[in-house]
C-alpha atoms as a PDB file:
ATOM      1  CA  MET A   1      -0.032   0.022   0.008  1.00  0.00           C
ATOM      2  CA  THR A   2       1.227   3.504  -0.767  1.00  0.00           C
ATOM      3  CA  SER A   3       2.305   5.520   2.258  1.00  0.00           C
ATOM      4  CA  LYS A   4       1.213   8.857   0.674  1.00  0.00           C
ATOM      5  CA  PRO A   5      -2.069   8.744  -1.185  1.00  0.00           C
ATOM      6  CA  VAL A   6      -2.182  10.531  -4.497  1.00  0.00           C
ATOM      7  CA  PHE A   7      -4.997  13.024  -4.609  1.00  0.00           C
ATOM      8  CA  CYS A   8      -6.614  15.914  -6.340  1.00  0.00           C
ATOM      9  CA  TYR A   9      -8.975  18.503  -5.028  1.00  0.00           C
ATOM     10  CA  ALA A  10     -12.735  18.584  -5.751  1.00  0.00           C
ATOM     11  CA  ASP A  11     -12.403  21.831  -7.584  1.00  0.00           C
ATOM     12  CA  ASP A  12      -9.457  20.705  -9.800  1.00  0.00           C
ATOM     13  CA  ASP A  13     -10.447  20.424 -13.464  1.00  0.00           C
ATOM     14  CA  ILE A  14     -10.281  17.102 -15.311  1.00  0.00           C
ATOM     15  CA  TYR A  15      -7.075  18.057 -17.081  1.00  0.00           C
ATOM     16  CA  THR A  16      -5.279  18.658 -13.779  1.00  0.00           C
ATOM     17  CA  ALA A  17      -6.521  15.309 -12.547  1.00  0.00           C
ATOM     18  CA  ALA A  18      -5.282  13.618 -15.760  1.00  0.00           C
ATOM     19  CA  GLU A  19      -1.845  15.190 -15.333  1.00  0.00           C
ATOM     20  CA  ILE A  20      -1.580  13.908 -11.775  1.00  0.00           C
ATOM     21  CA  MET A  21      -2.578  10.401 -12.930  1.00  0.00           C
ATOM     22  CA  LYS A  22      -0.025  10.499 -15.760  1.00  0.00           C
ATOM     23  CA  ARG A  23       2.783  11.858 -13.566  1.00  0.00           C
ATOM     24  CA  GLU A  24       2.155   9.405 -10.724  1.00  0.00           C
ATOM     25  CA  LYS A  25       1.186   6.461 -12.965  1.00  0.00           C
ATOM     26  CA  VAL A  26      -1.984   5.798 -10.964  1.00  0.00           C
ATOM     27  CA  ARG A  27      -5.443   4.774 -12.196  1.00  0.00           C
ATOM     28  CA  ARG A  28      -7.348   6.214  -9.222  1.00  0.00           C
ATOM     29  CA  LEU A  29      -7.095   9.497  -7.330  1.00  0.00           C
ATOM     30  CA  LEU A  30      -8.422  10.285  -3.931  1.00  0.00           C
ATOM     31  CA  VAL A  31     -10.525  13.424  -4.158  1.00  0.00           C
ATOM     32  CA  ARG A  32     -10.269  15.776  -1.173  1.00  0.00           C
ATOM     33  CA  ASN A  33     -11.937  19.055  -0.222  1.00  0.00           C
ATOM     34  CA  HIS A  34      -9.770  21.943   0.970  1.00  0.00           C
ATOM     35  CA  ASP A  35     -10.213  20.761   4.558  1.00  0.00           C
ATOM     36  CA  GLN A  36      -8.247  17.730   3.457  1.00  0.00           C
ATOM     37  CA  GLN A  37     -11.282  15.464   3.964  1.00  0.00           C
ATOM     38  CA  PRO A  38     -11.683  12.702   1.476  1.00  0.00           C
ATOM     39  CA  ILE A  39     -14.893  13.025  -0.483  1.00  0.00           C
ATOM     40  CA  GLY A  40     -14.526  10.503  -3.274  1.00  0.00           C
ATOM     41  CA  VAL A  41     -12.375   8.615  -5.739  1.00  0.00           C
ATOM     42  CA  LEU A  42     -11.753   9.560  -9.368  1.00  0.00           C
ATOM     43  CA  ALA A  43     -11.040   6.463 -11.462  1.00  0.00           C
ATOM     44  CA  GLN A  44      -9.407   6.210 -14.862  1.00  0.00           C
ATOM     45  CA  ALA A  45     -12.813   5.195 -16.333  1.00  0.00           C
ATOM     46  CA  ASP A  46     -14.379   8.436 -14.968  1.00  0.00           C
ATOM     47  CA  LEU A  47     -11.636  10.476 -16.600  1.00  0.00           C
ATOM     48  CA  VAL A  48     -12.026   8.643 -19.912  1.00  0.00           C
ATOM     49  CA  ALA A  49     -15.805   9.259 -19.861  1.00  0.00           C
ATOM     50  CA  ALA A  50     -15.195  12.964 -19.281  1.00  0.00           C
ATOM     51  CA  ILE A  51     -12.577  13.504 -22.043  1.00  0.00           C
ATOM     52  CA  ALA A  52     -13.770  11.044 -24.632  1.00  0.00           C
ATOM     53  CA  PRO A  53     -15.882  13.650 -26.499  1.00  0.00           C
ATOM     54  CA  TYR A  54     -12.677  15.633 -27.082  1.00  0.00           C
ATOM     55  CA  GLY A  55     -10.775  12.770 -28.687  1.00  0.00           C
ATOM     56  CA  LEU A  56      -8.155  12.583 -25.897  1.00  0.00           C
ATOM     57  CA  ALA A  57      -9.115   9.384 -24.216  1.00  0.00           C
ATOM     58  CA  ALA A  58      -6.858   6.873 -25.976  1.00  0.00           C
ATOM     59  CA  GLU A  59      -3.710   8.974 -25.581  1.00  0.00           C
ATOM     60  CA  THR A  60      -4.412   9.754 -21.949  1.00  0.00           C
ATOM     61  CA  VAL A  61      -5.142   6.179 -21.024  1.00  0.00           C
ATOM     62  CA  ALA A  62      -1.949   4.978 -22.756  1.00  0.00           C
ATOM     63  CA  GLU A  63       0.129   7.531 -20.774  1.00  0.00           C
ATOM     64  CA  ILE A  64      -1.462   6.663 -17.435  1.00  0.00           C
ATOM     65  CA  SER A  65      -1.151   2.945 -18.061  1.00  0.00           C
ATOM     66  CA  GLN A  66       2.602   2.885 -18.647  1.00  0.00           C
ATOM     67  CA  PRO A  67       4.219   0.587 -16.102  1.00  0.00           C
ATOM     68  CA  GLY A  68       6.479   1.985 -13.433  1.00  0.00           C
ATOM     69  CA  GLY A  69       6.293   5.047 -11.207  1.00  0.00           C
ATOM     70  CA  ALA A  70       6.512   5.433  -7.484  1.00  0.00           C
ATOM     71  CA  HIS A  71       3.079   3.846  -6.998  1.00  0.00           C
ATOM     72  CA  SER A  72       3.582   0.822  -9.223  1.00  0.00           C
ATOM     73  CA  GLN A  73       2.557  -2.507  -7.912  1.00  0.00           C
ATOM     74  CA  GLN A  74       5.160  -4.264 -10.054  1.00  0.00           C
ATOM     75  CA  ARG A  75       7.466  -6.310  -7.938  1.00  0.00           C
ATOM     76  CA  LYS A  76      11.113  -5.506  -8.084  1.00  0.00           C
ATOM     77  CA  GLN A  77      13.423  -8.399  -8.849  1.00  0.00           C
END
């Protein structure tokens, strides 16, 4: 389990959330309010549904889904 959850804020736009997912290589983000209280989870599927009309879904999913990153569940050998 990750010691520091990856999160976005409820008022972040979808592009900010996508950038966080790409940078951290995670498929889910904890959504917090500005009191730092968790209020939900944004999944990769939610992001795809939001950006699909703009033709960005395939590229974004490919970038998020690249293996590796600090939060990867791949076992080191």
